Amino acid sequence: MRAAATLIAYAGLALLALGAAAWPAAGAAPRPWVAEFALAAGFVAFGVLALEFALVARLHPLHEPFGSDALMLFHRHMGLAAVVFCALHVFGLVATELPLESLIPGRGSALLTTGVAAFGLLALLIVLSLARRRLPLSYEAWRTLHRWLALGLLAVLVGHVLLSKGHSTRTAVRIALAVQAGGALAVLLYYRFVRPARSARHPWRIRENRAEEGDVRTLVLEPVDGERMRFAPGQFLWISTRGPGGRDHPISIVSSAERTEIELAIKALGDWSRQRVPNLQPGELVTLDGPFGNFTPDACPAQAFVLVAGGIGVTPLLSMLRTLADRGDRRPVWLFYAARNRERAPFLPELERLKDRLALQTVLVFEEGDSEANVERGFVDAKLLLRHLPPDLARVHAFVCGPAPMMDALEHTLPAAGFEARYVHTERFDMV
């Protein structure tokens, strides 16, 4: 119900200006339907782009029903949809009212110049996002550039609307556009200033920074003011450290939800995680923003759990296991842990110790050979799952976290192995 209500609210806000413009106006001159369709596409594009700010602003009413990875994927898709609507807006007007040469910078009016500039900024945003991993830019530099380009796009779009005539001059339409643009700006200010200020009032102190297998570091954090962070097992948060590139990194919580301290497992993947994290010293202060995510067994009336991890994707699942152990939960749990080899699989000793406190069966799946007889080789597929799981999987919930190729495969593999689709929960940690 919450998800449905949120989607309805999203659609209503995205189409707010279009609805105001579609209301009949007395004395309005008729226009060709293609031109009206083009203008409608422009209003939709404006609403969609304004709401893009809300999708990445870590608003709990959005994150809780859908999950952060789903919101990020939706953010990307709606950005592409906005390009389509902008293209329909331009092509429709060129087909009916505008000479093509008027779109050349410097040859058209200020209205057309701002329109061309907005389309160019949007195209640049999309290209930089799709090609980010192939660019010689750090994630921090790309994120800063992305944010400023988005803000510039919003400013140019507002200027374009203010310069336009016709529907945009009507009071109801102007109010709707102001609500959309003002809401985007308010969300941006909240995300950039209010949330960091709130987090800074409750800093956390590093108690321990220890090395794990597979180029992973575990940070053990304690609240400076003694105020405990309530979270559900499987959730994540954003951590900010002092120094260059230290702001806002999404990290899974690996500690038990029943304990006061927070443990974060950070794999060496980028500049911050490779250079800054190993040098964090006990006593240093960090800020945390969270928790986020709905990848948790707490709301699942399950009789048993199947956990499937790929590499560092084991971290939210470890939080689940530790929490179940602290709660004395003896429901059966099967953990399928896939990695390249034993050296690339962190927390194996911890998983062995947890068997004494849980009804836990662990199946290791390595791509490379291993001398132990109880290690599977290859990849997690339906045949492998069926070799280790009972035939009756009713009311068994599966939680899967790992690299994108593994997730793509398992979203089809698990239902084929007998799981009900609604009982399969996934989280893609590659959100940025």
Protein backbone atom coordinates (compact mmCIF):
# COMPACT_ATOMS: atom_id res chain seq x y z
CA MET A 1 0.00 0.00 0.00
CA ARG A 2 2.82 2.41 0.85
CA ALA A 3 4.59 1.61 -2.41
CA ALA A 4 1.42 2.11 -4.42
CA ALA A 5 0.65 5.41 -2.66
CA THR A 6 4.20 6.60 -3.28
CA LEU A 7 4.01 5.77 -6.99
CA ILE A 8 0.68 7.60 -7.29
CA ALA A 9 2.15 10.65 -5.55
CA TYR A 10 5.20 10.51 -7.84
CA ALA A 11 3.03 10.38 -10.96
CA GLY A 12 0.83 13.19 -9.69
CA LEU A 13 3.79 15.49 -9.01
CA ALA A 14 5.47 14.63 -12.30
CA LEU A 15 2.29 15.43 -14.25
CA LEU A 16 1.26 18.43 -12.14
CA ALA A 17 2.21 21.10 -14.70
CA LEU A 18 0.82 19.05 -17.57
CA GLY A 19 -2.51 18.73 -15.76
CA ALA A 20 -2.65 22.49 -15.19
CA ALA A 21 -1.81 23.18 -18.83
CA ALA A 22 -4.41 20.68 -20.08
CA TRP A 23 -7.21 22.47 -18.25
CA PRO A 24 -9.24 24.36 -20.87
CA ALA A 25 -8.48 28.07 -21.06
CA ALA A 26 -10.95 30.61 -22.39
CA GLY A 27 -9.87 32.35 -25.58
CA ALA A 28 -6.89 30.06 -26.23
CA ALA A 29 -6.01 29.82 -29.93
CA PRO A 30 -6.14 26.28 -31.29
CA ARG A 31 -2.84 24.68 -32.34
CA PRO A 32 -2.02 21.55 -34.34
CA TRP A 33 -2.22 18.40 -32.23
CA VAL A 34 1.44 17.64 -32.93
CA ALA A 35 2.44 20.98 -31.42
CA GLU A 36 0.21 20.38 -28.38
CA PHE A 37 1.70 16.91 -27.97
CA ALA A 38 5.21 18.42 -28.14
CA LEU A 39 4.33 20.95 -25.45
CA ALA A 40 2.84 18.19 -23.29
CA ALA A 41 6.09 16.22 -23.63
CA GLY A 42 7.99 19.29 -22.47
CA PHE A 43 5.85 19.63 -19.34
CA VAL A 44 6.34 15.94 -18.54
CA ALA A 45 10.11 16.23 -19.03
CA PHE A 46 10.23 19.19 -16.64
CA GLY A 47 8.30 17.30 -13.95
CA VAL A 48 10.38 14.14 -14.31
CA LEU A 49 13.66 16.06 -14.11
CA ALA A 50 12.51 18.01 -11.05
CA LEU A 51 11.68 14.75 -9.26
CA GLU A 52 15.11 13.27 -10.07
CA PHE A 53 16.46 15.29 -7.14
CA ALA A 54 14.06 13.58 -4.73
CA LEU A 55 15.05 10.08 -5.87
CA VAL A 56 18.67 10.53 -4.73
CA ALA A 57 18.06 12.66 -1.62
CA ARG A 58 17.81 9.70 0.82
CA LEU A 59 14.24 10.44 1.79
CA HIS A 60 13.04 7.63 4.06
CA PRO A 61 9.44 7.65 2.72
CA LEU A 62 10.92 6.70 -0.67
CA HIS A 63 13.63 4.32 0.52
CA GLU A 64 11.57 2.23 2.90
CA PRO A 65 8.98 0.76 0.49
CA PHE A 66 11.36 0.25 -2.46
CA GLY A 67 14.97 0.03 -1.30
CA SER A 68 17.89 2.21 -2.29
CA ASP A 69 19.10 0.10 -5.21
CA ALA A 70 15.64 0.10 -6.80
CA LEU A 71 15.40 3.87 -6.40
CA MET A 72 18.79 4.38 -8.00
CA LEU A 73 17.80 2.17 -10.94
CA PHE A 74 14.54 4.09 -11.27
CA HIS A 75 16.51 7.36 -11.17
CA ARG A 76 18.61 6.20 -14.12
CA HIS A 77 15.61 5.02 -16.13
CA MET A 78 13.68 8.22 -15.56
CA GLY A 79 16.70 10.23 -16.66
CA LEU A 80 16.64 8.33 -19.94
CA ALA A 81 12.87 8.83 -20.15
CA ALA A 82 13.37 12.59 -19.72
CA VAL A 83 15.68 12.57 -22.76
CA VAL A 84 12.92 10.91 -24.79
CA PHE A 85 10.32 13.46 -23.68
CA CYS A 86 12.71 16.33 -24.44
CA ALA A 87 13.37 14.91 -27.90
CA LEU A 88 9.62 14.62 -28.56
CA HIS A 89 9.23 18.21 -27.40
CA VAL A 90 11.89 19.46 -29.81
CA PHE A 91 10.96 17.31 -32.81
CA GLY A 92 7.25 18.08 -32.48
CA LEU A 93 7.83 21.83 -32.46
CA VAL A 94 10.29 21.64 -35.35
CA ALA A 95 7.73 19.66 -37.35
CA THR A 96 5.02 22.28 -36.84
CA GLU A 97 6.32 25.70 -35.84
CA LEU A 98 10.09 26.10 -35.63
CA PRO A 99 12.56 26.31 -38.51
CA LEU A 100 15.42 23.88 -37.91
CA GLU A 101 18.09 26.59 -38.26
CA SER A 102 16.59 28.45 -35.28
CA LEU A 103 17.99 25.73 -33.03
CA ILE A 104 21.57 26.66 -33.93
CA PRO A 105 23.09 28.58 -30.98
CA GLY A 106 23.08 32.31 -31.65
CA ARG A 107 20.44 32.20 -34.39
CA GLY A 108 17.32 31.77 -32.33
CA SER A 109 15.60 33.70 -29.58
CA ALA A 110 16.53 33.55 -25.91
CA LEU A 111 13.73 31.00 -25.47
CA LEU A 112 15.23 28.69 -28.07
CA THR A 113 18.76 29.24 -26.78
CA THR A 114 17.80 28.13 -23.27
CA GLY A 115 15.92 25.17 -24.71
CA VAL A 116 18.94 24.01 -26.72
CA ALA A 117 21.20 24.56 -23.71
CA ALA A 118 18.89 22.48 -21.49
CA PHE A 119 18.83 19.61 -23.99
CA GLY A 120 22.62 19.74 -24.28
CA LEU A 121 23.09 19.68 -20.49
CA LEU A 122 20.71 16.76 -20.14
CA ALA A 123 22.48 14.82 -22.89
CA LEU A 124 25.84 15.51 -21.24
CA LEU A 125 24.51 14.30 -17.87
CA ILE A 126 23.28 11.05 -19.40
CA VAL A 127 26.47 10.38 -21.37
CA LEU A 128 28.72 11.05 -18.37
CA SER A 129 26.59 8.76 -16.21
CA LEU A 130 26.54 5.88 -18.68
CA ALA A 131 30.27 6.16 -19.39
CA ARG A 132 31.41 6.96 -15.85
CA ARG A 133 33.48 3.81 -15.35
CA ARG A 134 35.37 4.42 -18.59
CA LEU A 135 36.23 8.02 -17.78
CA PRO A 136 39.47 9.18 -16.10
CA LEU A 137 37.42 10.59 -13.20
CA SER A 138 37.23 9.45 -9.61
CA TYR A 139 33.78 8.75 -8.24
CA GLU A 140 33.99 11.84 -6.03
CA ALA A 141 34.90 14.09 -8.98
CA TRP A 142 32.17 12.60 -11.14
CA ARG A 143 29.57 13.03 -8.40
CA THR A 144 30.47 16.70 -7.92
CA LEU A 145 30.31 17.30 -11.67
CA HIS A 146 27.00 15.44 -11.90
CA ARG A 147 25.48 17.52 -9.11
CA TRP A 148 26.52 20.86 -10.61
CA LEU A 149 25.36 19.87 -14.08
CA ALA A 150 21.97 18.85 -12.64
CA LEU A 151 21.64 22.14 -10.79
CA GLY A 152 22.62 24.06 -13.94
CA LEU A 153 20.06 22.08 -15.94
CA LEU A 154 17.31 22.96 -13.46
CA ALA A 155 18.25 26.66 -13.61
CA VAL A 156 18.25 26.70 -17.43
CA LEU A 157 14.91 24.88 -17.54
CA VAL A 158 13.35 27.44 -15.20
CA GLY A 159 14.67 30.23 -17.43
CA HIS A 160 13.28 28.46 -20.49
CA VAL A 161 9.84 28.22 -18.88
CA LEU A 162 9.83 31.86 -17.79
CA LEU A 163 10.67 32.97 -21.33
CA SER A 164 8.02 30.83 -22.99
CA LYS A 165 4.57 32.02 -23.99
CA GLY A 166 1.28 30.22 -24.34
CA HIS A 167 0.40 27.65 -21.67
CA SER A 168 3.31 28.63 -19.43
CA THR A 169 1.96 32.15 -18.92
CA ARG A 170 -1.18 30.89 -17.21
CA THR A 171 -1.24 31.33 -13.44
CA ALA A 172 -2.17 27.73 -12.65
CA VAL A 173 0.64 26.42 -14.84
CA ARG A 174 3.17 28.82 -13.32
CA ILE A 175 2.15 27.70 -9.83
CA ALA A 176 2.52 24.03 -10.80
CA LEU A 177 5.94 24.64 -12.32
CA ALA A 178 6.99 26.63 -9.24
CA VAL A 179 5.93 23.73 -7.01
CA GLN A 180 8.00 21.30 -9.07
CA ALA A 181 11.10 23.48 -9.33
CA GLY A 182 10.83 24.76 -5.75
CA GLY A 183 10.41 21.23 -4.47
CA ALA A 184 13.55 20.13 -6.33
CA LEU A 185 15.53 23.02 -4.86
CA ALA A 186 14.20 22.36 -1.36
CA VAL A 187 15.14 18.68 -1.60
CA LEU A 188 18.63 19.61 -2.82
CA LEU A 189 19.15 22.02 0.09
CA TYR A 190 17.91 19.39 2.53
CA TYR A 191 20.24 16.78 1.09
CA ARG A 192 23.29 19.04 0.90
CA PHE A 193 22.97 20.98 4.16
CA VAL A 194 20.26 19.78 6.55
CA ARG A 195 21.11 16.07 6.56
CA PRO A 196 24.90 16.63 6.97
CA ALA A 197 24.26 19.10 9.79
CA ARG A 198 22.04 16.59 11.61
CA SER A 199 24.61 13.82 11.20
CA ALA A 200 27.43 16.08 12.43
CA ARG A 201 25.58 16.58 15.72
CA HIS A 202 25.96 12.85 16.46
CA PRO A 203 29.54 11.85 15.50
CA TRP A 204 30.95 8.35 15.85
CA ARG A 205 34.40 7.41 17.10
CA ILE A 206 36.56 4.72 15.51
CA ARG A 207 37.33 2.10 18.13
CA GLU A 208 39.10 -0.37 15.88
CA ASN A 209 40.28 -0.65 12.28
CA ARG A 210 41.23 -4.21 11.45
CA ALA A 211 42.20 -6.02 8.27
CA GLU A 212 40.11 -8.92 6.95
CA GLU A 213 40.66 -11.37 4.12
CA GLY A 214 40.10 -10.24 0.54
CA ASP A 215 41.32 -6.60 0.84
CA VAL A 216 38.58 -5.75 3.32
CA ARG A 217 38.80 -3.53 6.40
CA THR A 218 36.36 -3.60 9.29
CA LEU A 219 35.70 -0.35 11.12
CA VAL A 220 34.26 -0.72 14.61
CA LEU A 221 32.47 2.50 15.58
CA GLU A 222 30.95 3.71 18.84
CA PRO A 223 28.65 6.72 19.37
CA VAL A 224 30.39 9.69 20.97
CA ASP A 225 27.19 10.82 22.70
CA GLY A 226 26.11 7.27 23.59
CA GLU A 227 23.02 7.50 21.36
CA ARG A 228 22.51 4.14 19.70
CA MET A 229 21.57 3.84 16.03
CA ARG A 230 18.60 1.55 15.54
CA PHE A 231 18.80 -0.48 12.36
CA ALA A 232 17.55 -3.72 10.88
CA PRO A 233 19.98 -6.49 9.87
CA GLY A 234 20.88 -6.15 6.20
CA GLN A 235 20.64 -2.36 6.04
CA PHE A 236 23.45 0.03 5.09
CA LEU A 237 24.46 3.60 5.81
CA TRP A 238 26.56 6.41 4.39
CA ILE A 239 29.85 7.23 6.09
CA SER A 240 31.84 10.46 5.83
CA THR A 241 35.44 10.81 6.96
CA ARG A 242 37.62 13.86 7.16
CA GLY A 243 39.94 14.75 4.30
CA PRO A 244 39.66 14.79 0.50
CA GLY A 245 37.11 12.42 -1.00
CA GLY A 246 35.82 11.38 2.39
CA ARG A 247 32.20 12.44 2.07
CA ASP A 248 29.32 10.02 1.60
CA HIS A 249 30.23 6.42 0.88
CA PRO A 250 27.50 3.73 1.05
CA ILE A 251 28.67 0.84 3.23
CA SER A 252 26.79 -2.22 4.48
CA ILE A 253 26.50 -2.76 8.21
CA VAL A 254 27.99 -6.10 9.28
CA SER A 255 27.32 -5.88 13.02
CA SER A 256 24.37 -7.34 14.87
CA ALA A 257 21.30 -5.14 15.19
CA GLU A 258 21.18 -6.14 18.85
CA ARG A 259 24.42 -4.36 19.74
CA THR A 260 25.34 -0.73 20.35
CA GLU A 261 28.50 -0.52 18.25
CA ILE A 262 28.41 -0.34 14.47
CA GLU A 263 30.74 -2.43 12.32
CA LEU A 264 31.28 -1.58 8.68
CA ALA A 265 33.13 -3.77 6.18
CA ILE A 266 34.87 -1.78 3.43
CA LYS A 267 36.49 -3.43 0.43
CA ALA A 268 39.41 -1.71 -1.30
CA LEU A 269 37.79 -0.72 -4.60
CA GLY A 270 38.53 3.00 -5.09
CA ASP A 271 40.80 5.83 -3.99
CA TRP A 272 39.02 6.42 -0.69
CA SER A 273 38.75 2.76 0.29
CA ARG A 274 42.31 1.95 -0.79
CA GLN A 275 44.15 4.99 0.57
CA ARG A 276 42.10 6.68 3.27
CA VAL A 277 40.35 3.80 5.03
CA PRO A 278 43.48 1.77 5.95
CA ASN A 279 44.94 4.91 7.58
CA LEU A 280 41.93 5.72 9.76
CA GLN A 281 43.11 5.62 13.36
CA PRO A 282 41.27 4.70 16.56
CA GLY A 283 39.90 7.86 18.11
CA GLU A 284 39.15 9.59 14.80
CA LEU A 285 35.60 10.87 14.33
CA VAL A 286 33.30 10.07 11.43
CA THR A 287 29.68 10.91 10.62
CA LEU A 288 27.01 8.40 9.66
CA ASP A 289 23.78 8.92 7.75
CA GLY A 290 21.23 6.15 7.90
CA PRO A 291 20.18 3.46 8.12
CA PHE A 292 18.73 2.78 4.67
CA GLY A 293 17.42 -0.16 2.69
CA ASN A 294 14.63 -2.72 3.02
CA PHE A 295 16.87 -5.74 2.44
CA THR A 296 16.15 -7.33 5.81
CA PRO A 297 14.53 -10.50 7.17
CA ASP A 298 12.90 -8.70 10.08
CA ALA A 299 9.53 -8.32 8.36
CA CYS A 300 9.56 -11.81 6.81
CA PRO A 301 7.39 -14.56 8.37
CA ALA A 302 9.84 -17.18 7.16
CA GLN A 303 10.29 -20.73 8.39
CA ALA A 304 13.86 -20.78 7.07
CA PHE A 305 16.32 -18.60 5.17
CA VAL A 306 18.57 -19.13 2.17
CA LEU A 307 21.33 -16.55 1.86
CA VAL A 308 23.38 -16.24 -1.33
CA ALA A 309 26.46 -14.00 -1.28
CA GLY A 310 28.92 -13.04 -3.96
CA GLY A 311 32.24 -11.70 -2.63
CA ILE A 312 31.80 -8.57 -0.53
CA GLY A 313 28.03 -9.06 -0.91
CA VAL A 314 28.34 -11.27 2.16
CA THR A 315 28.38 -8.19 4.42
CA PRO A 316 24.62 -7.55 4.82
CA LEU A 317 24.09 -11.31 5.15
CA LEU A 318 26.67 -11.46 7.94
CA SER A 319 24.68 -8.80 9.79
CA MET A 320 21.61 -11.01 9.44
CA LEU A 321 23.47 -14.06 10.78
CA ARG A 322 24.97 -12.19 13.73
CA THR A 323 21.57 -10.74 14.61
CA LEU A 324 19.86 -14.13 14.43
CA ALA A 325 22.58 -15.54 16.69
CA ASP A 326 22.23 -12.76 19.26
CA ARG A 327 18.46 -13.28 19.29
CA GLY A 328 18.79 -17.02 19.81
CA ASP A 329 16.91 -17.68 16.58
CA ARG A 330 17.25 -21.36 15.61
CA ARG A 331 15.40 -21.33 12.30
CA PRO A 332 17.36 -23.18 9.59
CA VAL A 333 19.71 -21.05 7.47
CA TRP A 334 21.62 -22.09 4.36
CA LEU A 335 24.41 -19.77 3.23
CA PHE A 336 25.82 -20.13 -0.30
CA TYR A 337 29.00 -18.08 -0.42
CA ALA A 338 30.52 -17.57 -3.88
CA ALA A 339 33.97 -16.09 -4.44
CA ARG A 340 36.94 -16.45 -6.76
CA ASN A 341 38.91 -18.42 -4.17
CA ARG A 342 39.35 -18.77 -0.42
CA GLU A 343 41.73 -15.79 -0.24
CA ARG A 344 39.07 -13.53 -1.79
CA ALA A 345 36.33 -14.59 0.65
CA PRO A 346 36.31 -12.48 3.83
CA PHE A 347 34.82 -13.56 7.17
CA LEU A 348 35.14 -17.32 6.70
CA PRO A 349 36.42 -17.88 10.28
CA GLU A 350 33.49 -15.84 11.61
CA LEU A 351 31.02 -17.93 9.63
CA GLU A 352 32.52 -21.11 11.09
CA ARG A 353 32.10 -19.79 14.63
CA LEU A 354 28.48 -18.82 13.98
CA LYS A 355 27.62 -22.47 13.31
CA ASP A 356 27.81 -23.08 17.06
CA ARG A 357 25.05 -20.52 17.68
CA LEU A 358 22.84 -21.04 14.63
CA ALA A 359 21.20 -23.83 12.66
CA LEU A 360 23.53 -22.80 9.84
CA GLN A 361 24.81 -24.76 6.88
CA THR A 362 27.46 -23.04 4.77
CA VAL A 363 28.22 -23.99 1.18
CA LEU A 364 31.35 -22.42 -0.30
CA VAL A 365 31.38 -21.99 -4.08
CA PHE A 366 34.75 -21.03 -5.56
CA GLU A 367 35.55 -20.31 -9.19
CA GLU A 368 39.10 -21.56 -8.77
CA GLY A 369 40.06 -25.00 -7.47
CA ASP A 370 40.17 -25.80 -3.77
CA SER A 371 41.54 -28.96 -2.17
CA GLU A 372 38.73 -29.33 0.37
CA ALA A 373 36.04 -31.84 -0.51
CA ASN A 374 33.18 -29.75 0.92
CA VAL A 375 33.80 -26.83 -1.47
CA GLU A 376 31.70 -26.54 -4.62
CA ARG A 377 33.38 -25.33 -7.79
CA GLY A 378 31.92 -23.07 -10.43
CA PHE A 379 28.90 -20.83 -9.94
CA VAL A 380 25.66 -20.87 -7.97
CA ASP A 381 22.96 -22.31 -10.22
CA ALA A 382 19.71 -24.23 -9.78
CA LYS A 383 21.41 -27.65 -9.77
CA LEU A 384 23.83 -26.60 -7.08
CA LEU A 385 21.04 -25.17 -4.92
CA LEU A 386 18.90 -28.28 -5.26
CA ARG A 387 21.81 -30.51 -4.17
CA HIS A 388 21.89 -28.81 -0.78
CA LEU A 389 18.34 -27.61 -0.11
CA PRO A 390 15.30 -29.59 1.03
CA PRO A 391 12.59 -30.31 -1.56
CA ASP A 392 9.95 -28.24 0.23
CA LEU A 393 10.80 -24.54 -0.03
CA ALA A 394 7.41 -23.19 1.05
CA ARG A 395 7.78 -20.14 3.31
CA VAL A 396 11.55 -20.14 2.78
CA HIS A 397 12.85 -16.65 2.05
CA ALA A 398 15.98 -16.09 -0.04
CA PHE A 399 18.28 -13.06 0.31
CA VAL A 400 20.82 -12.46 -2.44
CA CYS A 401 23.57 -9.85 -2.65
CA GLY A 402 26.50 -9.78 -5.04
CA PRO A 403 27.88 -8.50 -8.35
CA ALA A 404 25.49 -7.58 -11.13
CA PRO A 405 26.05 -10.69 -13.36
CA MET A 406 25.43 -12.98 -10.40
CA MET A 407 22.28 -11.08 -9.44
CA ASP A 408 20.94 -11.18 -12.99
CA ALA A 409 21.38 -14.95 -13.12
CA LEU A 410 19.97 -15.71 -9.68
CA GLU A 411 16.82 -13.67 -10.20
CA HIS A 412 15.89 -16.39 -12.72
CA THR A 413 17.65 -19.30 -11.02
CA LEU A 414 15.92 -19.12 -7.64
CA PRO A 415 12.33 -19.32 -8.95
CA ALA A 416 13.48 -22.19 -11.18
CA ALA A 417 14.80 -23.95 -8.08
CA GLY A 418 11.39 -23.76 -6.40
CA PHE A 419 11.34 -20.43 -4.55
CA GLU A 420 8.26 -18.27 -4.71
CA ALA A 421 9.21 -15.07 -6.54
CA ARG A 422 7.75 -12.89 -3.78
CA TYR A 423 10.06 -14.58 -1.27
CA VAL A 424 13.23 -13.71 -3.20
CA HIS A 425 14.87 -10.50 -1.90
CA THR A 426 17.81 -8.96 -3.72
CA GLU A 427 20.13 -6.01 -3.22
CA ARG A 428 22.62 -4.72 -5.73
CA PHE A 429 25.50 -3.06 -3.93
CA ASP A 430 26.79 -1.41 -7.11
CA MET A 431 24.66 1.72 -6.69
CA VAL A 432 27.23 4.37 -7.57
